[in-house]
PDB file of N, CA and C in Angstrom:
ATOM      1  N   MET A   1       0.821  -1.193   0.000  1.00  0.00           N
ATOM      2  CA  MET A   1       0.000   0.000   0.000  1.00  0.00           C
ATOM      3  C   MET A   1       0.866   1.258   0.000  1.00  0.00           C
ATOM      4  N   LYS A   2       1.951   1.205   0.776  1.00  0.00           N
ATOM      5  CA  LYS A   2       2.859   2.346   0.833  1.00  0.00           C
ATOM      6  C   LYS A   2       3.505   2.589  -0.531  1.00  0.00           C
ATOM      7  N   THR A   3       3.780   1.503  -1.246  1.00  0.00           N
ATOM      8  CA  THR A   3       4.390   1.600  -2.564  1.00  0.00           C
ATOM      9  C   THR A   3       3.438   2.275  -3.551  1.00  0.00           C
ATOM     10  N   ILE A   4       2.164   1.966  -3.454  1.00  0.00           N
ATOM     11  CA  ILE A   4       1.177   2.570  -4.347  1.00  0.00           C
ATOM     12  C   ILE A   4       1.107   4.076  -4.119  1.00  0.00           C
ATOM     13  N   PHE A   5       1.094   4.500  -2.859  1.00  0.00           N
ATOM     14  CA  PHE A   5       1.055   5.933  -2.562  1.00  0.00           C
ATOM     15  C   PHE A   5       2.324   6.629  -3.041  1.00  0.00           C
ATOM     16  N   SER A   6       3.451   5.957  -2.899  1.00  0.00           N
ATOM     17  CA  SER A   6       4.717   6.531  -3.374  1.00  0.00           C
ATOM     18  C   SER A   6       4.691   6.691  -4.888  1.00  0.00           C
ATOM     19  N   LEU A   7       4.164   5.689  -5.578  1.00  0.00           N
ATOM     20  CA  LEU A   7       4.069   5.734  -7.028  1.00  0.00           C
ATOM     21  C   LEU A   7       3.134   6.856  -7.476  1.00  0.00           C
ATOM     22  N   ILE A   8       1.991   6.983  -6.822  1.00  0.00           N
ATOM     23  CA  ILE A   8       1.043   8.048  -7.158  1.00  0.00           C
ATOM     24  C   ILE A   8       1.673   9.413  -6.918  1.00  0.00           C
ATOM     25  N   ALA A   9       2.368   9.565  -5.814  1.00  0.00           N
ATOM     26  CA  ALA A   9       3.022  10.844  -5.513  1.00  0.00           C
ATOM     27  C   ALA A   9       4.087  11.160  -6.551  1.00  0.00           C
ATOM     28  N   ALA A  10       4.863  10.163  -6.964  1.00  0.00           N
ATOM     29  CA  ALA A  10       5.913  10.375  -7.960  1.00  0.00           C
ATOM     30  C   ALA A  10       5.313  10.755  -9.311  1.00  0.00           C
ATOM     31  N   LEU A  11       4.248  10.093  -9.717  1.00  0.00           N
ATOM     32  CA  LEU A  11       3.595  10.414 -10.985  1.00  0.00           C
ATOM     33  C   LEU A  11       2.980  11.804 -10.963  1.00  0.00           C
ATOM     34  N   THR A  12       2.384  12.170  -9.854  1.00  0.00           N
ATOM     35  CA  THR A  12       1.796  13.502  -9.725  1.00  0.00           C
ATOM     36  C   THR A  12       2.869  14.573  -9.812  1.00  0.00           C
ATOM     37  N   LEU A  13       3.964  14.381  -9.101  1.00  0.00           N
ATOM     38  CA  LEU A  13       5.074  15.334  -9.137  1.00  0.00           C
ATOM     39  C   LEU A  13       5.655  15.413 -10.541  1.00  0.00           C
ATOM     40  N   SER A  14       5.785  14.293 -11.207  1.00  0.00           N
ATOM     41  CA  SER A  14       6.301  14.262 -12.571  1.00  0.00           C
ATOM     42  C   SER A  14       5.396  15.056 -13.509  1.00  0.00           C
ATOM     43  N   ALA A  15       4.096  14.911 -13.368  1.00  0.00           N
ATOM     44  CA  ALA A  15       3.151  15.643 -14.215  1.00  0.00           C
ATOM     45  C   ALA A  15       3.249  17.137 -13.963  1.00  0.00           C
ATOM     46  N   ILE A  16       3.415  17.535 -12.711  1.00  0.00           N
ATOM     47  CA  ILE A  16       3.533  18.951 -12.373  1.00  0.00           C
ATOM     48  C   ILE A  16       4.803  19.534 -12.973  1.00  0.00           C
ATOM     49  N   VAL A  17       5.908  18.817 -12.862  1.00  0.00           N
ATOM     50  CA  VAL A  17       7.184  19.292 -13.394  1.00  0.00           C
ATOM     51  C   VAL A  17       7.116  19.407 -14.912  1.00  0.00           C
ATOM     52  N   CYS A  18       6.546  18.420 -15.585  1.00  0.00           N
ATOM     53  CA  CYS A  18       6.426  18.458 -17.043  1.00  0.00           C
ATOM     54  C   CYS A  18       5.568  19.633 -17.480  1.00  0.00           C
ATOM     55  N   HIS A  19       4.485  19.883 -16.778  1.00  0.00           N
ATOM     56  CA  HIS A  19       3.604  20.990 -17.136  1.00  0.00           C
ATOM     57  C   HIS A  19       4.289  22.332 -16.910  1.00  0.00           C
ATOM     58  N   ALA A  20       5.107  22.420 -15.868  1.00  0.00           N
ATOM     59  CA  ALA A  20       5.803  23.669 -15.574  1.00  0.00           C
ATOM     60  C   ALA A  20       6.844  23.989 -16.637  1.00  0.00           C
ATOM     61  N   ASP A  21       7.372  22.963 -17.310  1.00  0.00           N
ATOM     62  CA  ASP A  21       8.382  23.162 -18.345  1.00  0.00           C
ATOM     63  C   ASP A  21       7.800  23.771 -19.617  1.00  0.00           C
ATOM     64  N   GLU A  22       6.491  23.661 -19.797  1.00  0.00           N
ATOM     65  CA  GLU A  22       5.861  24.209 -20.988  1.00  0.00           C
ATOM     66  C   GLU A  22       5.864  25.732 -20.887  1.00  0.00           C
ATOM     67  N   ALA A  23       6.579  26.360 -21.778  1.00  0.00           N
ATOM     68  CA  ALA A  23       6.647  27.824 -21.768  1.00  0.00           C
ATOM     69  C   ALA A  23       5.426  28.393 -22.470  1.00  0.00           C
ATOM     70  N   LYS A  24       5.009  29.552 -22.012  1.00  0.00           N
ATOM     71  CA  LYS A  24       3.903  30.223 -22.694  1.00  0.00           C
ATOM     72  C   LYS A  24       4.420  30.730 -24.029  1.00  0.00           C
ATOM     73  N   PRO A  25       3.603  30.622 -25.066  1.00  0.00           N
ATOM     74  CA  PRO A  25       4.050  31.114 -26.378  1.00  0.00           C
ATOM     75  C   PRO A  25       4.155  32.635 -26.384  1.00  0.00           C
ATOM     76  N   LYS A  26       4.993  33.132 -27.286  1.00  0.00           N
ATOM     77  CA  LYS A  26       5.083  34.582 -27.478  1.00  0.00           C
ATOM     78  C   LYS A  26       3.746  35.052 -28.042  1.00  0.00           C
ATOM     79  N   PRO A  27       3.204  36.144 -27.523  1.00  0.00           N
ATOM     80  CA  PRO A  27       1.917  36.627 -28.045  1.00  0.00           C
ATOM     81  C   PRO A  27       2.049  37.145 -29.478  1.00  0.00           C
ATOM     82  N   TYR A  28       0.980  37.009 -30.211  1.00  0.00           N
ATOM     83  CA  TYR A  28       0.951  37.488 -31.593  1.00  0.00           C
ATOM     84  C   TYR A  28       0.919  39.013 -31.589  1.00  0.00           C
ATOM     85  N   PRO A  29       1.886  39.669 -32.217  1.00  0.00           N
ATOM     86  CA  PRO A  29       2.010  41.122 -32.099  1.00  0.00           C
ATOM     87  C   PRO A  29       1.261  41.953 -33.146  1.00  0.00           C
ATOM     88  N   LEU A  30       0.627  41.303 -34.113  1.00  0.00           N
ATOM     89  CA  LEU A  30       0.037  42.051 -35.226  1.00  0.00           C
ATOM     90  C   LEU A  30      -1.484  42.119 -35.125  1.00  0.00           C
ATOM     91  N   ALA A  31      -2.074  43.104 -35.782  1.00  0.00           N
ATOM     92  CA  ALA A  31      -3.529  43.256 -35.825  1.00  0.00           C
ATOM     93  C   ALA A  31      -4.108  42.688 -37.112  1.00  0.00           C
ATOM     94  N   VAL A  32      -3.234  42.119 -37.949  1.00  0.00           N
ATOM     95  CA  VAL A  32      -3.655  41.549 -39.225  1.00  0.00           C
ATOM     96  C   VAL A  32      -3.167  40.110 -39.351  1.00  0.00           C
ATOM     97  N   CYS A  33      -3.799  39.382 -40.240  1.00  0.00           N
ATOM     98  CA  CYS A  33      -3.392  38.014 -40.560  1.00  0.00           C
ATOM     99  C   CYS A  33      -2.064  38.070 -41.305  1.00  0.00           C
ATOM    100  N   ILE A  34      -1.087  37.276 -40.874  1.00  0.00           N
ATOM    101  CA  ILE A  34       0.235  37.290 -41.510  1.00  0.00           C
ATOM    102  C   ILE A  34       0.184  36.728 -42.932  1.00  0.00           C
ATOM    103  N   VAL A  35      -0.816  35.926 -43.248  1.00  0.00           N
ATOM    104  CA  VAL A  35      -0.920  35.317 -44.576  1.00  0.00           C
ATOM    105  C   VAL A  35      -1.651  36.236 -45.555  1.00  0.00           C
ATOM    106  N   SER A  36      -2.845  36.695 -45.185  1.00  0.00           N
ATOM    107  CA  SER A  36      -3.682  37.451 -46.124  1.00  0.00           C
ATOM    108  C   SER A  36      -3.556  38.967 -45.971  1.00  0.00           C
ATOM    109  N   GLY A  37      -3.135  39.419 -44.799  1.00  0.00           N
ATOM    110  CA  GLY A  37      -3.083  40.851 -44.539  1.00  0.00           C
ATOM    111  C   GLY A  37      -4.415  41.421 -44.077  1.00  0.00           C
ATOM    112  N   GLU A  38      -5.451  40.572 -43.981  1.00  0.00           N
ATOM    113  CA  GLU A  38      -6.778  41.016 -43.523  1.00  0.00           C
ATOM    114  C   GLU A  38      -6.736  41.348 -42.033  1.00  0.00           C
ATOM    115  N   LYS A  39      -7.494  42.354 -41.640  1.00  0.00           N
ATOM    116  CA  LYS A  39      -7.585  42.719 -40.236  1.00  0.00           C
ATOM    117  C   LYS A  39      -8.231  41.568 -39.460  1.00  0.00           C
ATOM    118  N   LEU A  40      -7.632  41.218 -38.324  1.00  0.00           N
ATOM    119  CA  LEU A  40      -8.166  40.126 -37.513  1.00  0.00           C
ATOM    120  C   LEU A  40      -9.538  40.497 -36.976  1.00  0.00           C
ATOM    121  N   GLY A  41     -10.460  39.548 -37.026  1.00  0.00           N
ATOM    122  CA  GLY A  41     -11.812  39.758 -36.539  1.00  0.00           C
ATOM    123  C   GLY A  41     -12.816  40.141 -37.605  1.00  0.00           C
ATOM    124  N   THR A  42     -12.343  40.455 -38.810  1.00  0.00           N
ATOM    125  CA  THR A  42     -13.273  40.833 -39.874  1.00  0.00           C
ATOM    126  C   THR A  42     -14.016  39.626 -40.452  1.00  0.00           C
ATOM    127  N   MET A  43     -13.481  38.440 -40.223  1.00  0.00           N
ATOM    128  CA  MET A  43     -14.117  37.224 -40.738  1.00  0.00           C
ATOM    129  C   MET A  43     -14.546  36.311 -39.590  1.00  0.00           C
ATOM    130  N   GLY A  44     -14.874  36.909 -38.460  1.00  0.00           N
ATOM    131  CA  GLY A  44     -15.220  36.133 -37.278  1.00  0.00           C
ATOM    132  C   GLY A  44     -14.025  36.040 -36.340  1.00  0.00           C
ATOM    133  N   LYS A  45     -14.135  35.165 -35.375  1.00  0.00           N
ATOM    134  CA  LYS A  45     -13.077  34.988 -34.388  1.00  0.00           C
ATOM    135  C   LYS A  45     -11.814  34.467 -35.081  1.00  0.00           C
ATOM    136  N   PRO A  46     -10.646  35.078 -34.810  1.00  0.00           N
ATOM    137  CA  PRO A  46      -9.412  34.621 -35.460  1.00  0.00           C
ATOM    138  C   PRO A  46      -9.078  33.169 -35.100  1.00  0.00           C
ATOM    139  N   ALA A  47      -8.530  32.456 -36.071  1.00  0.00           N
ATOM    140  CA  ALA A  47      -8.014  31.112 -35.831  1.00  0.00           C
ATOM    141  C   ALA A  47      -6.630  31.281 -35.216  1.00  0.00           C
ATOM    142  N   VAL A  48      -6.297  30.453 -34.229  1.00  0.00           N
ATOM    143  CA  VAL A  48      -5.036  30.598 -33.509  1.00  0.00           C
ATOM    144  C   VAL A  48      -4.308  29.259 -33.443  1.00  0.00           C
ATOM    145  N   ILE A  49      -3.002  29.298 -33.719  1.00  0.00           N
ATOM    146  CA  ILE A  49      -2.140  28.133 -33.519  1.00  0.00           C
ATOM    147  C   ILE A  49      -0.872  28.611 -32.812  1.00  0.00           C
ATOM    148  N   VAL A  50      -0.078  27.667 -32.328  1.00  0.00           N
ATOM    149  CA  VAL A  50       1.236  27.973 -31.783  1.00  0.00           C
ATOM    150  C   VAL A  50       2.246  27.183 -32.600  1.00  0.00           C
ATOM    151  N   LYS A  51       3.238  27.873 -33.126  1.00  0.00           N
ATOM    152  CA  LYS A  51       4.269  27.241 -33.947  1.00  0.00           C
ATOM    153  C   LYS A  51       5.629  27.681 -33.420  1.00  0.00           C
ATOM    154  N   ASP A  52       6.436  26.732 -33.009  1.00  0.00           N
ATOM    155  CA  ASP A  52       7.790  27.004 -32.506  1.00  0.00           C
ATOM    156  C   ASP A  52       7.793  28.069 -31.420  1.00  0.00           C
ATOM    157  N   GLY A  53       6.838  28.003 -30.503  1.00  0.00           N
ATOM    158  CA  GLY A  53       6.778  28.925 -29.385  1.00  0.00           C
ATOM    159  C   GLY A  53       6.180  30.281 -29.690  1.00  0.00           C
ATOM    160  N   GLN A  54       5.667  30.462 -30.891  1.00  0.00           N
ATOM    161  CA  GLN A  54       5.060  31.736 -31.298  1.00  0.00           C
ATOM    162  C   GLN A  54       3.580  31.522 -31.560  1.00  0.00           C
ATOM    163  N   GLU A  55       2.732  32.286 -30.881  1.00  0.00           N
ATOM    164  CA  GLU A  55       1.307  32.270 -31.197  1.00  0.00           C
ATOM    165  C   GLU A  55       1.124  32.967 -32.545  1.00  0.00           C
ATOM    166  N   VAL A  56       0.285  32.386 -33.395  1.00  0.00           N
ATOM    167  CA  VAL A  56       0.000  32.982 -34.700  1.00  0.00           C
ATOM    168  C   VAL A  56      -1.516  33.023 -34.855  1.00  0.00           C
ATOM    169  N   GLN A  57      -2.027  34.200 -35.228  1.00  0.00           N
ATOM    170  CA  GLN A  57      -3.461  34.366 -35.432  1.00  0.00           C
ATOM    171  C   GLN A  57      -3.736  34.602 -36.912  1.00  0.00           C
ATOM    172  N   PHE A  58      -4.855  34.037 -37.363  1.00  0.00           N
ATOM    173  CA  PHE A  58      -5.244  34.112 -38.773  1.00  0.00           C
ATOM    174  C   PHE A  58      -6.666  34.642 -38.887  1.00  0.00           C
ATOM    175  N   CYS A  59      -6.954  35.277 -40.027  1.00  0.00           N
ATOM    176  CA  CYS A  59      -8.307  35.789 -40.250  1.00  0.00           C
ATOM    177  C   CYS A  59      -9.306  34.647 -40.414  1.00  0.00           C
ATOM    178  N   CYS A  60      -8.835  33.503 -40.912  1.00  0.00           N
ATOM    179  CA  CYS A  60      -9.707  32.337 -41.107  1.00  0.00           C
ATOM    180  C   CYS A  60      -8.866  31.064 -41.095  1.00  0.00           C
ATOM    181  N   LYS A  61      -9.537  29.940 -40.995  1.00  0.00           N
ATOM    182  CA  LYS A  61      -8.835  28.662 -40.917  1.00  0.00           C
ATOM    183  C   LYS A  61      -8.098  28.304 -42.204  1.00  0.00           C
ATOM    184  N   SER A  62      -8.578  28.775 -43.343  1.00  0.00           N
ATOM    185  CA  SER A  62      -7.922  28.412 -44.605  1.00  0.00           C
ATOM    186  C   SER A  62      -6.517  29.010 -44.697  1.00  0.00           C
ATOM    187  N   CYS A  63      -6.266  30.101 -43.991  1.00  0.00           N
ATOM    188  CA  CYS A  63      -4.925  30.700 -44.006  1.00  0.00           C
ATOM    189  C   CYS A  63      -3.903  29.823 -43.275  1.00  0.00           C
ATOM    190  N   ILE A  64      -4.380  28.986 -42.365  1.00  0.00           N
ATOM    191  CA  ILE A  64      -3.468  28.095 -41.655  1.00  0.00           C
ATOM    192  C   ILE A  64      -2.791  27.152 -42.648  1.00  0.00           C
ATOM    193  N   LYS A  65      -3.532  26.648 -43.621  1.00  0.00           N
ATOM    194  CA  LYS A  65      -2.968  25.739 -44.623  1.00  0.00           C
ATOM    195  C   LYS A  65      -1.860  26.423 -45.408  1.00  0.00           C
ATOM    196  N   ASP A  66      -2.069  27.672 -45.798  1.00  0.00           N
ATOM    197  CA  ASP A  66      -1.042  28.408 -46.528  1.00  0.00           C
ATOM    198  C   ASP A  66       0.169  28.680 -45.633  1.00  0.00           C
ATOM    199  N   PHE A  67      -0.071  28.985 -44.373  1.00  0.00           N
ATOM    200  CA  PHE A  67       1.000  29.208 -43.419  1.00  0.00           C
ATOM    201  C   PHE A  67       1.871  27.960 -43.281  1.00  0.00           C
ATOM    202  N   GLU A  68       1.233  26.799 -43.178  1.00  0.00           N
ATOM    203  CA  GLU A  68       1.953  25.539 -42.966  1.00  0.00           C
ATOM    204  C   GLU A  68       2.829  25.150 -44.155  1.00  0.00           C
ATOM    205  N   LYS A  69       2.590  25.722 -45.320  1.00  0.00           N
ATOM    206  CA  LYS A  69       3.441  25.441 -46.478  1.00  0.00           C
ATOM    207  C   LYS A  69       4.822  26.068 -46.321  1.00  0.00           C
ATOM    208  N   GLU A  70       4.885  27.241 -45.660  1.00  0.00           N
ATOM    209  CA  GLU A  70       6.142  27.971 -45.468  1.00  0.00           C
ATOM    210  C   GLU A  70       6.181  28.630 -44.077  1.00  0.00           C
ATOM    211  N   PRO A  71       6.114  27.844 -43.014  1.00  0.00           N
ATOM    212  CA  PRO A  71       6.020  28.456 -41.686  1.00  0.00           C
ATOM    213  C   PRO A  71       7.230  29.316 -41.311  1.00  0.00           C
ATOM    214  N   GLU A  72       8.422  28.901 -41.733  1.00  0.00           N
ATOM    215  CA  GLU A  72       9.622  29.667 -41.380  1.00  0.00           C
ATOM    216  C   GLU A  72       9.563  31.076 -41.959  1.00  0.00           C
ATOM    217  N   LYS A  73       9.098  31.179 -43.192  1.00  0.00           N
ATOM    218  CA  LYS A  73       8.970  32.480 -43.861  1.00  0.00           C
ATOM    219  C   LYS A  73       8.056  33.409 -43.064  1.00  0.00           C
ATOM    220  N   PHE A  74       6.894  32.893 -42.675  1.00  0.00           N
ATOM    221  CA  PHE A  74       5.925  33.716 -41.958  1.00  0.00           C
ATOM    222  C   PHE A  74       6.397  34.039 -40.539  1.00  0.00           C
ATOM    223  N   LEU A  75       7.057  33.092 -39.876  1.00  0.00           N
ATOM    224  CA  LEU A  75       7.574  33.362 -38.536  1.00  0.00           C
ATOM    225  C   LEU A  75       8.644  34.453 -38.572  1.00  0.00           C
ATOM    226  N   LYS A  76       9.468  34.456 -39.624  1.00  0.00           N
ATOM    227  CA  LYS A  76      10.465  35.518 -39.777  1.00  0.00           C
ATOM    228  C   LYS A  76       9.788  36.864 -39.986  1.00  0.00           C
ATOM    229  N   GLU A  77       8.714  36.884 -40.766  1.00  0.00           N
ATOM    230  CA  GLU A  77       7.965  38.126 -40.999  1.00  0.00           C
ATOM    231  C   GLU A  77       7.365  38.646 -39.690  1.00  0.00           C
ATOM    232  N   ILE A  78       6.806  37.748 -38.894  1.00  0.00           N
ATOM    233  CA  ILE A  78       6.226  38.152 -37.617  1.00  0.00           C
ATOM    234  C   ILE A  78       7.305  38.749 -36.717  1.00  0.00           C
ATOM    235  N   ALA A  79       8.453  38.081 -36.662  1.00  0.00           N
ATOM    236  CA  ALA A  79       9.554  38.575 -35.817  1.00  0.00           C
ATOM    237  C   ALA A  79      10.028  39.955 -36.291  1.00  0.00           C
ATOM    238  N   ALA A  80      10.161  40.125 -37.594  1.00  0.00           N
ATOM    239  CA  ALA A  80      10.619  41.407 -38.138  1.00  0.00           C
ATOM    240  C   ALA A  80       9.613  42.517 -37.884  1.00  0.00           C
ATOM    241  N   LYS A  81       8.326  42.219 -38.074  1.00  0.00           N
ATOM    242  CA  LYS A  81       7.289  43.226 -37.888  1.00  0.00           C
ATOM    243  C   LYS A  81       7.068  43.555 -36.414  1.00  0.00           C
ATOM    244  N   SER A  82       7.346  42.622 -35.528  1.00  0.00           N
ATOM    245  CA  SER A  82       7.145  42.884 -34.102  1.00  0.00           C
ATOM    246  C   SER A  82       8.246  43.773 -33.532  1.00  0.00           C
ATOM    247  N   LYS A  83       9.376  43.859 -34.212  1.00  0.00           N
ATOM    248  CA  LYS A  83      10.483  44.708 -33.760  1.00  0.00           C
ATOM    249  C   LYS A  83      10.243  46.174 -34.102  1.00  0.00           C
ATOM    250  N   LYS A  84       9.354  46.424 -35.071  1.00  0.00           N
ATOM    251  CA  LYS A  84       9.084  47.798 -35.511  1.00  0.00           C
ATOM    252  C   LYS A  84       8.267  48.561 -34.510  1.00  0.00           C
TER     253      LYS A  84
END
């Protein structure tokens, strides 16, 4: 019985540590979709994903497919535009 409690405690602690390691993504710094250039919110609630620690918001879900074709290109654009 003592072994079961020890195992449960170890698993719980492990889950807490793993969850704490997850860093919050960098917030999306733009008011427009990085793919289409449309203002966010004009086509309903923006679609949101996290890619390589960066939150990315889109005007619609179809822009996610275009983003996924060249994610590095768009992530570089976001980084460059957020510095301005």
